[in-house]
Each structure stands twice: as structure tokens, then as C-alpha cells.
Amino acid sequence: MTSDALEKIIQQIEDTLPDTDKHLVTALRNEIARAGTPENKQDKVTSHHPDIDANSGCYRFDADPNLYCPHCFDHAQKRVATQRINRQLRVCTQCRASLKPVKK
């Protein structure tokens, strides 16, 4: 959604609110502006593409010891740590994808 479309929706909402509740729209605009700043996008990663860990099927970033879900990173650019289920299976804590070792 573009910022213009979002602003139009907010304006429509503001027009229907009583004057006593207009401060909510101002707070919403401030929060949207704050969320859009780069320092608040901590889970967004744009620096480089991670390496695939063949033993788990997960992504590994440089020296970071955690293993991350490739589905969440590829689709939403989010680093979501996976959780071990057993010796060969890991699962994403967010999208619930099952991740197995890469076949050789």
C-alpha cells in the first residue's frame, strides 16, 4: 500500500471521528512515521543474502550461530530463528515451515 493511499484512508477515518477523538489519528500518523524509519526495521535485512546450511536446510548469517527460516527471509526479509524438533527436523516459530537437511 502506498503512503498516499494510506493517507487517504486515514483522512476518511479522521473525517468520521468526533473532535474529541482526532488525537488518535495524530497518534496513528506519528506511529506510522516512526515505524517507517530505518532504525526501527531491525528484523529487515538488506545487506546480503545468507548462506544455506546444508545440515539443517536453514539460512546462516556470517558469524551468527542461529539458524533462520529461509521462507520468512525470502518472502518478507525477516530473520526468524528456527527451533530444533529432532535430529533432522527444524521448524520455523513464525510460519511453521518444516525444514530438513538439503539432499546431496
N, C-alpha and C. Protein backbone atom coordinates (compact mmCIF):
# COMPACT_ATOMS: atom_id res chain seq x y z
N MET A 1 0.86 -1.16 0.00
CA MET A 1 0.00 0.00 0.00
C MET A 1 0.91 1.23 0.00
N THR A 2 0.61 2.18 -0.85
CA THR A 2 1.42 3.38 -0.92
C THR A 2 1.07 4.33 0.23
N SER A 3 1.97 5.24 0.48
CA SER A 3 1.72 6.20 1.57
C SER A 3 0.55 7.13 1.23
N ASP A 4 0.36 7.43 -0.07
CA ASP A 4 -0.78 8.27 -0.47
C ASP A 4 -2.10 7.56 -0.19
N ALA A 5 -2.17 6.27 -0.52
CA ALA A 5 -3.39 5.51 -0.28
C ALA A 5 -3.66 5.39 1.22
N LEU A 6 -2.61 5.19 1.99
CA LEU A 6 -2.75 5.10 3.44
C LEU A 6 -3.23 6.43 4.01
N GLU A 7 -2.68 7.52 3.52
CA GLU A 7 -3.08 8.84 4.00
C GLU A 7 -4.55 9.12 3.66
N LYS A 8 -5.01 8.68 2.49
CA LYS A 8 -6.42 8.87 2.12
C LYS A 8 -7.34 8.11 3.07
N ILE A 9 -6.94 6.89 3.43
CA ILE A 9 -7.76 6.09 4.36
C ILE A 9 -7.79 6.75 5.73
N ILE A 10 -6.63 7.22 6.18
CA ILE A 10 -6.57 7.90 7.48
C ILE A 10 -7.43 9.16 7.46
N GLN A 11 -7.39 9.89 6.36
CA GLN A 11 -8.19 11.11 6.24
C GLN A 11 -9.69 10.79 6.29
N GLN A 12 -10.10 9.70 5.65
CA GLN A 12 -11.51 9.29 5.69
C GLN A 12 -11.92 8.93 7.12
N ILE A 13 -11.05 8.25 7.82
CA ILE A 13 -11.35 7.90 9.21
C ILE A 13 -11.44 9.16 10.06
N GLU A 14 -10.51 10.08 9.84
CA GLU A 14 -10.48 11.32 10.61
C GLU A 14 -11.75 12.14 10.39
N ASP A 15 -12.26 12.14 9.16
CA ASP A 15 -13.47 12.90 8.85
C ASP A 15 -14.70 12.36 9.57
N THR A 16 -14.69 11.08 9.90
CA THR A 16 -15.86 10.48 10.56
C THR A 16 -15.78 10.54 12.08
N LEU A 17 -14.60 10.85 12.61
CA LEU A 17 -14.42 10.89 14.06
C LEU A 17 -14.91 12.21 14.67
N PRO A 18 -15.42 12.15 15.89
CA PRO A 18 -15.73 13.40 16.58
C PRO A 18 -14.43 14.12 16.97
N ASP A 19 -14.52 15.41 17.21
CA ASP A 19 -13.33 16.21 17.53
C ASP A 19 -12.58 15.69 18.75
N THR A 20 -13.29 15.08 19.66
CA THR A 20 -12.63 14.59 20.88
C THR A 20 -11.70 13.40 20.61
N ASP A 21 -11.87 12.73 19.47
CA ASP A 21 -11.05 11.56 19.15
C ASP A 21 -10.02 11.82 18.06
N LYS A 22 -9.89 13.04 17.58
CA LYS A 22 -8.95 13.35 16.50
C LYS A 22 -7.50 13.14 16.92
N HIS A 23 -7.23 13.20 18.23
CA HIS A 23 -5.87 12.97 18.70
C HIS A 23 -5.40 11.55 18.38
N LEU A 24 -6.34 10.62 18.25
CA LEU A 24 -6.00 9.24 17.90
C LEU A 24 -5.41 9.16 16.49
N VAL A 25 -5.95 9.96 15.58
CA VAL A 25 -5.44 9.98 14.20
C VAL A 25 -4.03 10.55 14.18
N THR A 26 -3.80 11.59 14.96
CA THR A 26 -2.46 12.17 15.04
C THR A 26 -1.47 11.14 15.59
N ALA A 27 -1.89 10.42 16.61
CA ALA A 27 -1.03 9.38 17.19
C ALA A 27 -0.75 8.27 16.17
N LEU A 28 -1.76 7.92 15.38
CA LEU A 28 -1.59 6.91 14.35
C LEU A 28 -0.59 7.36 13.29
N ARG A 29 -0.73 8.60 12.84
CA ARG A 29 0.22 9.14 11.85
C ARG A 29 1.64 9.15 12.39
N ASN A 30 1.80 9.54 13.64
CA ASN A 30 3.13 9.56 14.26
C ASN A 30 3.72 8.15 14.35
N GLU A 31 2.89 7.21 14.71
CA GLU A 31 3.36 5.83 14.84
C GLU A 31 3.75 5.24 13.48
N ILE A 32 2.98 5.54 12.46
CA ILE A 32 3.31 5.07 11.11
C ILE A 32 4.62 5.69 10.64
N ALA A 33 4.81 6.96 10.91
CA ALA A 33 6.06 7.63 10.52
C ALA A 33 7.24 7.03 11.28
N ARG A 34 7.05 6.75 12.56
CA ARG A 34 8.13 6.17 13.37
C ARG A 34 8.46 4.76 12.90
N ALA A 35 7.45 3.97 12.56
CA ALA A 35 7.67 2.60 12.11
C ALA A 35 8.35 2.54 10.75
N GLY A 36 8.22 3.58 9.97
CA GLY A 36 8.81 3.60 8.64
C GLY A 36 10.26 4.01 8.61
N THR A 37 10.83 4.42 9.73
CA THR A 37 12.22 4.84 9.75
C THR A 37 13.14 3.63 9.79
N PRO A 38 14.29 3.68 9.12
CA PRO A 38 15.18 2.52 9.02
C PRO A 38 15.66 1.97 10.35
N GLU A 39 15.88 2.81 11.36
CA GLU A 39 16.38 2.29 12.62
C GLU A 39 15.36 1.43 13.35
N ASN A 40 14.08 1.51 12.96
CA ASN A 40 13.05 0.70 13.61
C ASN A 40 12.75 -0.59 12.85
N LYS A 41 13.42 -0.81 11.76
CA LYS A 41 13.21 -2.03 10.98
C LYS A 41 14.33 -3.00 11.29
N GLN A 42 14.41 -3.44 12.53
CA GLN A 42 15.50 -4.29 12.96
C GLN A 42 15.44 -5.67 12.35
N ASP A 43 14.25 -6.20 12.08
CA ASP A 43 14.16 -7.54 11.53
C ASP A 43 14.26 -7.54 10.01
N LYS A 44 14.37 -6.38 9.40
CA LYS A 44 14.57 -6.31 7.96
C LYS A 44 16.05 -6.41 7.67
N VAL A 45 16.40 -7.21 6.68
CA VAL A 45 17.79 -7.39 6.34
C VAL A 45 17.95 -7.13 4.85
N THR A 46 18.82 -6.20 4.51
CA THR A 46 19.01 -5.89 3.10
C THR A 46 20.48 -5.95 2.71
N SER A 47 21.37 -6.28 3.67
CA SER A 47 22.79 -6.21 3.40
C SER A 47 23.26 -7.26 2.41
N HIS A 48 22.89 -8.51 2.57
CA HIS A 48 23.32 -9.56 1.66
C HIS A 48 22.42 -10.78 1.84
N HIS A 49 22.57 -11.70 0.93
CA HIS A 49 21.81 -12.94 1.02
C HIS A 49 22.60 -13.92 1.88
N PRO A 50 21.94 -14.64 2.77
CA PRO A 50 22.64 -15.55 3.68
C PRO A 50 23.09 -16.83 2.98
N ASP A 51 23.90 -17.60 3.67
CA ASP A 51 24.34 -18.90 3.17
C ASP A 51 23.38 -19.97 3.68
N ILE A 52 23.15 -21.00 2.85
CA ILE A 52 22.29 -22.10 3.26
C ILE A 52 23.14 -23.10 4.05
N ASP A 53 22.64 -23.55 5.18
CA ASP A 53 23.29 -24.56 5.99
C ASP A 53 22.76 -25.92 5.53
N ALA A 54 23.61 -26.71 4.88
CA ALA A 54 23.17 -27.98 4.29
C ALA A 54 22.70 -28.98 5.34
N ASN A 55 23.23 -28.91 6.54
CA ASN A 55 22.84 -29.86 7.59
C ASN A 55 21.46 -29.61 8.15
N SER A 56 20.93 -28.40 7.97
CA SER A 56 19.62 -28.09 8.55
C SER A 56 18.60 -27.61 7.53
N GLY A 57 19.06 -27.09 6.39
CA GLY A 57 18.15 -26.51 5.41
C GLY A 57 17.78 -25.08 5.75
N CYS A 58 18.45 -24.50 6.74
CA CYS A 58 18.16 -23.14 7.20
C CYS A 58 19.23 -22.18 6.69
N TYR A 59 18.96 -20.90 6.84
CA TYR A 59 19.92 -19.87 6.48
C TYR A 59 20.81 -19.55 7.68
N ARG A 60 22.07 -19.23 7.37
CA ARG A 60 23.03 -18.82 8.39
C ARG A 60 23.62 -17.49 7.93
N PHE A 61 23.70 -16.53 8.85
CA PHE A 61 24.23 -15.20 8.56
C PHE A 61 25.59 -15.03 9.21
N ASP A 62 26.63 -14.92 8.40
CA ASP A 62 28.00 -14.66 8.85
C ASP A 62 28.37 -15.46 10.10
N ALA A 63 28.74 -14.79 11.16
CA ALA A 63 29.20 -15.46 12.38
C ALA A 63 28.06 -15.74 13.35
N ASP A 64 26.84 -15.42 12.99
CA ASP A 64 25.68 -15.64 13.86
C ASP A 64 25.45 -17.14 14.02
N PRO A 65 25.41 -17.66 15.24
CA PRO A 65 25.25 -19.10 15.45
C PRO A 65 23.81 -19.60 15.22
N ASN A 66 22.83 -18.71 15.17
CA ASN A 66 21.44 -19.12 14.99
C ASN A 66 21.18 -19.54 13.56
N LEU A 67 20.15 -20.37 13.39
CA LEU A 67 19.71 -20.81 12.07
C LEU A 67 18.34 -20.18 11.82
N TYR A 68 18.15 -19.64 10.61
CA TYR A 68 16.95 -18.86 10.32
C TYR A 68 16.12 -19.48 9.20
N CYS A 69 14.83 -19.22 9.24
CA CYS A 69 13.87 -19.76 8.28
C CYS A 69 14.09 -19.15 6.89
N PRO A 70 14.34 -19.98 5.88
CA PRO A 70 14.53 -19.44 4.53
C PRO A 70 13.23 -18.90 3.93
N HIS A 71 12.09 -19.45 4.32
CA HIS A 71 10.81 -18.99 3.78
C HIS A 71 10.51 -17.57 4.24
N CYS A 72 10.67 -17.31 5.53
CA CYS A 72 10.39 -15.98 6.06
C CYS A 72 11.37 -14.95 5.50
N PHE A 73 12.63 -15.35 5.33
CA PHE A 73 13.62 -14.40 4.80
C PHE A 73 13.35 -14.11 3.32
N ASP A 74 13.05 -15.15 2.53
CA ASP A 74 12.83 -14.96 1.10
C ASP A 74 11.56 -14.18 0.80
N HIS A 75 10.53 -14.36 1.61
CA HIS A 75 9.25 -13.71 1.32
C HIS A 75 9.06 -12.37 2.02
N ALA A 76 9.62 -12.21 3.22
CA ALA A 76 9.37 -10.99 3.97
C ALA A 76 10.65 -10.30 4.45
N GLN A 77 11.81 -10.84 4.08
CA GLN A 77 13.09 -10.29 4.52
C GLN A 77 13.20 -10.20 6.04
N LYS A 78 12.63 -11.20 6.72
CA LYS A 78 12.67 -11.24 8.19
C LYS A 78 13.56 -12.39 8.63
N ARG A 79 14.38 -12.13 9.64
CA ARG A 79 15.18 -13.17 10.26
C ARG A 79 14.37 -13.79 11.39
N VAL A 80 13.87 -14.99 11.16
CA VAL A 80 13.10 -15.70 12.17
C VAL A 80 13.87 -16.96 12.53
N ALA A 81 14.30 -17.07 13.77
CA ALA A 81 15.08 -18.22 14.22
C ALA A 81 14.22 -19.48 14.21
N THR A 82 14.84 -20.59 13.83
CA THR A 82 14.14 -21.87 13.81
C THR A 82 14.39 -22.61 15.12
N GLN A 83 13.58 -23.63 15.34
CA GLN A 83 13.67 -24.41 16.57
C GLN A 83 13.85 -25.89 16.21
N ARG A 84 14.76 -26.55 16.89
CA ARG A 84 15.02 -27.97 16.61
C ARG A 84 13.87 -28.83 17.16
N ILE A 85 13.37 -29.74 16.31
CA ILE A 85 12.33 -30.69 16.73
C ILE A 85 12.98 -32.03 17.06
N ASN A 86 13.84 -32.50 16.16
CA ASN A 86 14.61 -33.72 16.40
C ASN A 86 15.95 -33.60 15.66
N ARG A 87 16.65 -34.71 15.50
CA ARG A 87 18.00 -34.65 14.92
C ARG A 87 18.02 -34.09 13.51
N GLN A 88 16.99 -34.31 12.73
CA GLN A 88 16.99 -33.87 11.34
C GLN A 88 15.96 -32.81 11.01
N LEU A 89 15.07 -32.49 11.89
CA LEU A 89 13.96 -31.59 11.57
C LEU A 89 14.01 -30.34 12.44
N ARG A 90 13.85 -29.20 11.77
CA ARG A 90 13.70 -27.90 12.46
C ARG A 90 12.39 -27.30 11.99
N VAL A 91 11.81 -26.40 12.78
CA VAL A 91 10.56 -25.76 12.41
C VAL A 91 10.68 -24.26 12.67
N CYS A 92 10.05 -23.48 11.80
CA CYS A 92 10.03 -22.03 11.96
C CYS A 92 9.00 -21.68 13.03
N THR A 93 9.38 -20.79 13.93
CA THR A 93 8.47 -20.42 15.02
C THR A 93 7.38 -19.46 14.55
N GLN A 94 7.53 -18.87 13.37
CA GLN A 94 6.53 -17.93 12.88
C GLN A 94 5.62 -18.55 11.81
N CYS A 95 6.21 -19.07 10.72
CA CYS A 95 5.38 -19.59 9.61
C CYS A 95 5.12 -21.09 9.73
N ARG A 96 5.76 -21.74 10.70
CA ARG A 96 5.59 -23.17 10.97
C ARG A 96 6.10 -24.07 9.85
N ALA A 97 6.99 -23.57 9.01
CA ALA A 97 7.57 -24.40 7.94
C ALA A 97 8.47 -25.46 8.55
N SER A 98 8.39 -26.67 8.03
CA SER A 98 9.28 -27.76 8.45
C SER A 98 10.51 -27.71 7.57
N LEU A 99 11.67 -27.74 8.18
CA LEU A 99 12.93 -27.61 7.45
C LEU A 99 13.79 -28.82 7.69
N LYS A 100 14.22 -29.45 6.59
CA LYS A 100 15.03 -30.65 6.65
C LYS A 100 16.38 -30.37 5.99
N PRO A 101 17.38 -31.23 6.26
CA PRO A 101 18.67 -31.05 5.62
C PRO A 101 18.56 -31.06 4.09
N VAL A 102 19.47 -30.34 3.45
CA VAL A 102 19.49 -30.29 1.99
C VAL A 102 20.04 -31.62 1.48
N LYS A 103 19.33 -32.23 0.53
CA LYS A 103 19.78 -33.51 -0.02
C LYS A 103 20.97 -33.29 -0.93
N LYS A 104 21.93 -34.17 -0.81
CA LYS A 104 23.17 -34.05 -1.60
C LYS A 104 23.12 -34.89 -2.81
